[in-house]
Amino acid sequence: MVTMQDVAERAGVTKQTVSNVISGRVAVRPTTAARVRAAIEELGYTPNLVARSLATGSTRTVGLFVPTVAGSFYSEVVEAAEDVLEEHGYHLLLCTTRLDGERARRHLAGLTSRSVDALLIAGDRDLINHLPLLADARFPVALCAWETEAPDAFPVVTIDYEHAGYLAGRHLRDLGHERVAVLASPDHGPRLAGFRRAFAVDGLTVPDGVVHMAAEPTIAGGFAAANEAFAADPGLTAVFATHDILALGALEAARVCGRSVPEDLSIVGHDDNPEVRLARPALTSVAIPKREMARQAIELLLRAVGRSGTVVNSLQLLRPELIVRDSTRPPGAPSA
């Protein structure tokens, strides 16, 4: 087995210099660092991470909790987090809750006894009731993609979801829509509040009767909720779905019942996931900076690790952006 001493001898440096290059915690002259990396490559040296963590008290590992990686939203969050960690010489420990509260609790309880340098929790579903498990964690913790009221104990990097809903509502109002429906998930209250605010600017209300809750955040859930909306108001001209996947279900429901989008019905989604750009017609959606959110949250944690675990509690709200595509137009507008 190739040792650190072998690398040091090949590079013509001390063993401590090799350790400094690998850890990145102490500055090493660029030419010297280059020789060390070349020796590591030539010899095929792999650092003993277990031994290093025992010696330094650091595993160079950050935990990340997400509900799922089945959809593109959290997949992008994971990829962005991993990219930042790699830039800083850290590794990612990924846990998925799979929308199962008990599974989330077990993961959190197990993680508090493991050696990680920090933890990022993405998404507030199934976790908010279990955060007290982290009260005595020996590592900094941050939250991102958080839509419910965040606990004061942790810093949060998230999206201005209320403004996202406002952008969707304002777009439909500017086009002239009044008879609308909302397809929502129960945990998307801020998006709905923003949508209502956009209509209130013009003295209009969005009553509870036009809000249809999807049984599940899937295309099937959006399809069923859209059919409920069509039955409740056959004359509605626009739909806002608080999640892109619900918007895709609404698009399919419109097709099945013979409503043309956008001639008969405008649809706006939320998240701007890649799938909506490939839909026919391409869906207008509120884009949220998922990758930037993950990047800022990870960098916040790494700064805390550098300060021996000290983390400043704060709330950072990133701004969404409306992306207008082919699924929206004024009600009754002639075909192009």
Protein backbone atom coordinates (compact mmCIF):
# COMPACT_ATOMS: atom_id res chain seq x y z
CA MET A 1 0.00 0.00 0.00
CA VAL A 2 1.31 3.42 -0.96
CA THR A 3 1.79 5.65 2.08
CA MET A 4 1.97 9.39 2.61
CA GLN A 5 5.69 8.97 3.31
CA ASP A 6 6.13 7.40 -0.15
CA VAL A 7 4.48 10.45 -1.70
CA ALA A 8 6.68 12.79 0.32
CA GLU A 9 9.84 11.02 -0.83
CA ARG A 10 8.75 11.02 -4.48
CA ALA A 11 7.90 14.76 -4.35
CA GLY A 12 10.99 15.66 -2.33
CA VAL A 13 9.03 17.23 0.52
CA THR A 14 8.12 16.43 4.09
CA LYS A 15 5.21 14.25 5.10
CA GLN A 16 3.61 17.30 6.73
CA THR A 17 3.71 19.16 3.42
CA VAL A 18 1.86 16.31 1.74
CA SER A 19 -0.72 16.42 4.53
CA ASN A 20 -1.12 20.18 4.05
CA VAL A 21 -1.70 19.78 0.31
CA ILE A 22 -4.31 17.05 0.83
CA SER A 23 -6.21 18.86 3.59
CA GLY A 24 -6.05 22.30 1.97
CA ARG A 25 -6.03 23.88 5.44
CA VAL A 26 -2.49 25.28 5.16
CA ALA A 27 -1.21 27.25 2.17
CA VAL A 28 1.52 25.51 0.19
CA ARG A 29 3.64 27.12 -2.51
CA PRO A 30 1.94 26.38 -5.90
CA THR A 31 5.02 24.73 -7.42
CA THR A 32 5.43 22.50 -4.38
CA ALA A 33 1.74 21.60 -4.31
CA ALA A 34 1.95 20.69 -8.00
CA ARG A 35 4.85 18.29 -7.31
CA VAL A 36 2.90 16.67 -4.49
CA ARG A 37 -0.19 16.19 -6.64
CA ALA A 38 1.92 14.75 -9.44
CA ALA A 39 3.45 12.26 -7.00
CA ILE A 40 0.01 11.30 -5.70
CA GLU A 41 -1.13 10.68 -9.28
CA GLU A 42 1.98 8.70 -10.23
CA LEU A 43 1.85 6.48 -7.16
CA GLY A 44 -1.92 6.13 -7.06
CA TYR A 45 -2.03 7.24 -3.43
CA THR A 46 -5.44 7.27 -1.69
CA PRO A 47 -5.62 9.13 1.63
CA ASN A 48 -6.83 7.13 4.62
CA LEU A 49 -9.91 9.18 5.42
CA VAL A 50 -10.65 7.34 8.65
CA ALA A 51 -7.18 7.93 10.04
CA ARG A 52 -7.25 11.54 8.91
CA SER A 53 -10.60 12.20 10.58
CA LEU A 54 -9.30 10.77 13.86
CA ALA A 55 -6.21 12.94 13.68
CA THR A 56 -7.89 16.20 12.69
CA GLY A 57 -11.38 15.81 14.13
CA SER A 58 -12.78 16.44 10.66
CA THR A 59 -14.25 14.00 8.14
CA ARG A 60 -14.40 16.54 5.26
CA THR A 61 -17.99 15.28 4.84
CA VAL A 62 -21.23 17.26 4.77
CA GLY A 63 -24.62 15.56 5.13
CA LEU A 64 -27.54 16.53 2.88
CA PHE A 65 -31.18 15.64 3.50
CA VAL A 66 -33.66 15.81 0.61
CA PRO A 67 -37.18 14.37 0.30
CA THR A 68 -36.37 12.56 -2.96
CA VAL A 69 -34.08 12.54 -5.98
CA ALA A 70 -36.75 11.14 -8.28
CA GLY A 71 -37.61 14.58 -9.69
CA SER A 72 -35.37 17.21 -11.21
CA PHE A 73 -35.84 19.81 -8.44
CA TYR A 74 -33.90 18.04 -5.71
CA SER A 75 -31.58 16.38 -8.20
CA GLU A 76 -30.37 19.87 -9.14
CA VAL A 77 -29.99 20.79 -5.48
CA VAL A 78 -27.89 17.67 -4.86
CA GLU A 79 -25.69 18.27 -7.90
CA ALA A 80 -25.07 21.91 -7.00
CA ALA A 81 -24.24 21.02 -3.39
CA GLU A 82 -21.83 18.31 -4.51
CA ASP A 83 -20.12 20.67 -6.96
CA VAL A 84 -19.42 23.22 -4.21
CA LEU A 85 -18.20 20.55 -1.82
CA GLU A 86 -15.82 19.14 -4.41
CA GLU A 87 -14.42 22.60 -5.01
CA HIS A 88 -13.51 22.75 -1.32
CA GLY A 89 -12.26 19.18 -0.98
CA TYR A 90 -15.34 17.85 0.83
CA HIS A 91 -17.52 14.79 0.31
CA LEU A 92 -21.32 14.48 0.29
CA LEU A 93 -23.36 12.11 2.48
CA LEU A 94 -26.86 11.98 0.96
CA CYS A 95 -30.02 10.91 2.81
CA THR A 96 -33.53 10.80 1.32
CA THR A 97 -36.64 10.92 3.48
CA ARG A 98 -38.92 9.71 0.64
CA LEU A 99 -41.76 11.72 2.18
CA ASP A 100 -41.76 9.35 5.16
CA GLY A 101 -41.67 11.11 8.54
CA GLU A 102 -40.47 8.05 10.45
CA ARG A 103 -37.68 7.44 7.95
CA ALA A 104 -36.66 11.09 8.33
CA ARG A 105 -36.58 10.74 12.11
CA ARG A 106 -34.39 7.63 11.95
CA HIS A 107 -31.94 9.29 9.57
CA LEU A 108 -31.66 12.39 11.73
CA ALA A 109 -31.21 10.39 14.92
CA GLY A 110 -28.51 8.28 13.28
CA LEU A 111 -26.71 11.24 11.77
CA THR A 112 -26.26 12.99 15.11
CA SER A 113 -24.02 10.11 16.20
CA ARG A 114 -22.01 10.01 12.96
CA SER A 115 -18.98 12.03 12.04
CA VAL A 116 -19.99 14.78 9.63
CA ASP A 117 -18.68 18.32 9.64
CA ALA A 118 -22.02 19.95 8.79
CA LEU A 119 -25.59 19.19 7.71
CA LEU A 120 -27.87 20.81 5.12
CA ILE A 121 -31.59 19.99 5.17
CA ALA A 122 -33.37 20.73 1.89
CA GLY A 123 -37.16 20.81 1.97
CA ASP A 124 -39.44 21.12 4.97
CA ARG A 125 -41.75 18.17 4.34
CA ASP A 126 -41.62 15.41 7.00
CA LEU A 127 -38.79 17.08 8.93
CA ILE A 128 -39.99 20.11 10.83
CA ASN A 129 -41.29 18.06 13.78
CA HIS A 130 -37.98 16.22 14.07
CA LEU A 131 -35.56 19.16 14.09
CA PRO A 132 -35.31 19.10 17.92
CA LEU A 133 -33.17 15.97 17.42
CA LEU A 134 -30.46 18.33 16.17
CA ALA A 135 -30.50 20.58 19.23
CA ASP A 136 -27.31 18.98 20.59
CA ALA A 137 -25.62 18.33 17.24
CA ARG A 138 -21.86 18.88 17.33
CA PHE A 139 -21.85 20.31 13.82
CA PRO A 140 -23.45 23.35 12.14
CA VAL A 141 -26.87 22.87 10.53
CA ALA A 142 -28.61 24.96 7.84
CA LEU A 143 -31.93 24.73 6.00
CA CYS A 144 -32.80 25.43 2.37
CA ALA A 145 -35.89 25.21 0.12
CA TRP A 146 -37.87 25.95 3.29
CA GLU A 147 -41.43 27.21 2.77
CA THR A 148 -43.06 26.83 6.16
CA GLU A 149 -42.08 29.08 9.05
CA ALA A 150 -38.45 28.28 9.77
CA PRO A 151 -37.18 27.55 13.30
CA ASP A 152 -35.11 30.36 14.82
CA ALA A 153 -32.36 27.92 15.77
CA PHE A 154 -31.02 27.46 12.23
CA PRO A 155 -29.96 29.69 9.34
CA VAL A 156 -32.12 29.41 6.23
CA VAL A 157 -31.35 29.98 2.55
CA THR A 158 -34.59 29.70 0.61
CA ILE A 159 -36.81 31.21 -2.06
CA ASP A 160 -39.26 34.09 -1.79
CA TYR A 161 -42.15 31.73 -2.51
CA GLU A 162 -44.77 34.38 -1.80
CA HIS A 163 -43.30 36.57 -4.53
CA ALA A 164 -43.21 33.56 -6.85
CA GLY A 165 -46.96 33.14 -6.48
CA TYR A 166 -47.39 36.88 -7.02
CA LEU A 167 -45.46 36.70 -10.31
CA ALA A 168 -47.74 33.92 -11.57
CA GLY A 169 -50.88 35.80 -10.55
CA ARG A 170 -49.69 39.12 -11.92
CA HIS A 171 -48.89 37.50 -15.28
CA LEU A 172 -52.42 36.11 -15.59
CA ARG A 173 -53.96 39.40 -14.49
CA ASP A 174 -51.88 41.37 -17.00
CA LEU A 175 -53.20 39.05 -19.70
CA GLY A 176 -56.76 39.80 -18.54
CA HIS A 177 -57.72 36.54 -16.80
CA GLU A 178 -60.30 36.69 -14.01
CA ARG A 179 -61.85 33.21 -13.87
CA VAL A 180 -58.95 31.14 -12.58
CA ALA A 181 -58.27 28.00 -10.58
CA VAL A 182 -55.30 27.03 -8.43
CA LEU A 183 -53.95 23.49 -8.21
CA ALA A 184 -51.93 23.31 -5.01
CA SER A 185 -50.14 21.10 -2.53
CA PRO A 186 -51.07 21.64 1.13
CA ASP A 187 -47.58 22.92 2.01
CA HIS A 188 -47.58 25.65 -0.67
CA GLY A 189 -49.36 28.31 1.38
CA PRO A 190 -46.96 31.19 0.56
CA ARG A 191 -47.33 30.60 -3.20
CA LEU A 192 -51.10 30.76 -2.88
CA ALA A 193 -50.88 33.89 -0.73
CA GLY A 194 -48.74 35.62 -3.35
CA PHE A 195 -51.13 34.62 -6.12
CA ARG A 196 -54.05 36.07 -4.16
CA ARG A 197 -52.12 39.29 -3.55
CA ALA A 198 -51.64 39.75 -7.29
CA PHE A 199 -55.41 39.65 -7.82
CA ALA A 200 -56.12 41.82 -4.79
CA VAL A 201 -54.13 44.65 -6.41
CA ASP A 202 -56.98 44.88 -8.94
CA GLY A 203 -59.70 44.48 -6.32
CA LEU A 204 -60.33 40.83 -7.18
CA THR A 205 -60.43 37.87 -4.83
CA VAL A 206 -59.31 34.28 -5.27
CA PRO A 207 -61.83 32.41 -3.09
CA ASP A 208 -61.16 29.09 -1.41
CA GLY A 209 -63.62 27.44 -3.80
CA VAL A 210 -61.27 27.81 -6.77
CA VAL A 211 -58.31 26.27 -4.90
CA HIS A 212 -58.08 22.53 -5.52
CA MET A 213 -55.64 20.52 -3.42
CA ALA A 214 -53.80 17.73 -5.20
CA ALA A 215 -53.84 14.42 -3.34
CA GLU A 216 -50.18 13.88 -4.24
CA PRO A 217 -47.42 15.89 -5.98
CA THR A 218 -47.57 13.89 -9.20
CA ILE A 219 -48.91 14.22 -12.73
CA ALA A 220 -51.85 12.05 -11.66
CA GLY A 221 -52.50 14.36 -8.73
CA GLY A 222 -52.48 17.39 -11.03
CA PHE A 223 -54.72 15.60 -13.52
CA ALA A 224 -57.34 14.83 -10.85
CA ALA A 225 -57.22 18.33 -9.35
CA ALA A 226 -57.57 19.91 -12.79
CA ASN A 227 -60.62 17.79 -13.57
CA GLU A 228 -62.17 18.98 -10.31
CA ALA A 229 -61.47 22.58 -11.32
CA PHE A 230 -63.01 22.11 -14.78
CA ALA A 231 -66.13 20.57 -13.26
CA ALA A 232 -66.47 23.33 -10.68
CA ASP A 233 -66.17 26.13 -13.27
CA PRO A 234 -66.51 25.07 -16.91
CA GLY A 235 -65.83 28.66 -17.95
CA LEU A 236 -62.50 29.18 -16.23
CA THR A 237 -59.76 30.53 -18.50
CA ALA A 238 -56.56 29.98 -16.54
CA VAL A 239 -54.89 27.63 -14.07
CA PHE A 240 -51.97 28.24 -11.72
CA ALA A 241 -50.28 25.07 -10.51
CA THR A 242 -48.02 25.55 -7.49
CA HIS A 243 -45.74 22.80 -8.77
CA ASP A 244 -44.66 22.09 -12.34
CA ILE A 245 -45.63 18.45 -12.12
CA LEU A 246 -49.20 19.48 -11.25
CA ALA A 247 -49.16 21.79 -14.28
CA LEU A 248 -48.21 18.84 -16.49
CA GLY A 249 -51.20 16.95 -15.09
CA ALA A 250 -53.42 19.95 -15.88
CA LEU A 251 -52.09 20.03 -19.43
CA GLU A 252 -53.04 16.38 -19.88
CA ALA A 253 -56.47 16.93 -18.31
CA ALA A 254 -57.12 19.80 -20.71
CA ARG A 255 -56.14 17.61 -23.66
CA VAL A 256 -58.42 14.77 -22.56
CA CYS A 257 -61.45 17.02 -22.14
CA GLY A 258 -60.85 18.86 -25.41
CA ARG A 259 -59.58 22.19 -24.08
CA SER A 260 -56.82 23.70 -26.19
CA VAL A 261 -53.87 25.31 -24.40
CA PRO A 262 -53.44 28.26 -24.58
CA GLU A 263 -56.43 29.07 -26.86
CA ASP A 264 -59.05 27.87 -24.35
CA LEU A 265 -57.00 27.68 -21.20
CA SER A 266 -53.76 29.27 -19.96
CA ILE A 267 -51.56 27.29 -17.56
CA VAL A 268 -48.74 28.57 -15.35
CA GLY A 269 -46.46 26.28 -13.35
CA HIS A 270 -43.89 26.77 -10.61
CA ASP A 271 -40.18 25.73 -10.36
CA ASP A 272 -39.29 25.80 -14.09
CA ASN A 273 -38.04 22.23 -14.09
CA PRO A 274 -36.62 20.90 -17.39
CA GLU A 275 -39.77 18.87 -18.13
CA VAL A 276 -41.92 21.97 -18.68
CA ARG A 277 -39.67 23.21 -21.46
CA LEU A 278 -40.28 19.99 -23.37
CA ALA A 279 -44.06 19.96 -22.86
CA ARG A 280 -46.35 20.81 -25.77
CA PRO A 281 -47.05 23.63 -25.57
CA ALA A 282 -43.98 24.64 -23.54
CA LEU A 283 -45.24 25.75 -20.14
CA THR A 284 -44.92 29.20 -18.67
CA SER A 285 -43.41 28.76 -15.20
CA VAL A 286 -41.91 30.67 -12.29
CA ALA A 287 -38.21 29.82 -12.24
CA ILE A 288 -36.50 29.58 -8.88
CA PRO A 289 -32.69 29.61 -8.47
CA LYS A 290 -32.32 26.08 -7.12
CA ARG A 291 -28.60 25.72 -7.80
CA GLU A 292 -27.73 29.13 -6.41
CA MET A 293 -29.77 28.35 -3.30
CA ALA A 294 -27.84 25.12 -2.71
CA ARG A 295 -24.52 26.84 -3.41
CA GLN A 296 -25.15 29.63 -0.91
CA ALA A 297 -26.34 27.20 1.77
CA ILE A 298 -23.29 24.93 1.42
CA GLU A 299 -20.90 27.88 1.43
CA LEU A 300 -22.59 29.20 4.58
CA LEU A 301 -21.98 25.84 6.27
CA LEU A 302 -18.37 25.62 5.16
CA ARG A 303 -17.71 29.10 6.57
CA ALA A 304 -19.20 27.88 9.84
CA VAL A 305 -16.94 24.82 9.80
CA GLY A 306 -13.98 27.17 9.31
CA ARG A 307 -15.10 29.07 12.44
CA SER A 308 -15.15 25.86 14.49
CA GLY A 309 -18.88 25.37 14.14
CA THR A 310 -20.03 28.92 14.75
CA VAL A 311 -22.97 29.65 12.45
CA VAL A 312 -24.85 32.94 12.23
CA ASN A 313 -28.62 32.49 12.19
CA SER A 314 -30.12 34.37 9.27
CA LEU A 315 -32.82 34.19 6.62
CA GLN A 316 -31.79 34.67 2.99
CA LEU A 317 -34.58 34.92 0.41
CA LEU A 318 -33.62 34.43 -3.25
CA ARG A 319 -35.80 36.01 -5.92
CA PRO A 320 -37.73 33.94 -8.47
CA GLU A 321 -38.29 34.90 -12.11
CA LEU A 322 -41.26 34.39 -14.43
CA ILE A 323 -40.40 32.55 -17.66
CA VAL A 324 -43.11 33.12 -20.26
CA ARG A 325 -43.54 30.39 -22.86
CA ASP A 326 -46.39 29.13 -25.04
CA SER A 327 -48.99 28.01 -22.49
CA THR A 328 -50.41 31.45 -21.66
CA ARG A 329 -52.23 34.15 -23.63
CA PRO A 330 -55.13 36.59 -23.10
CA PRO A 331 -58.53 34.90 -22.76
CA GLY A 332 -60.33 34.68 -26.07
CA ALA A 333 -57.29 35.83 -28.05
CA PRO A 334 -57.29 34.60 -31.68
CA SER A 335 -54.80 31.93 -32.67
CA ALA A 336 -51.53 33.17 -34.10
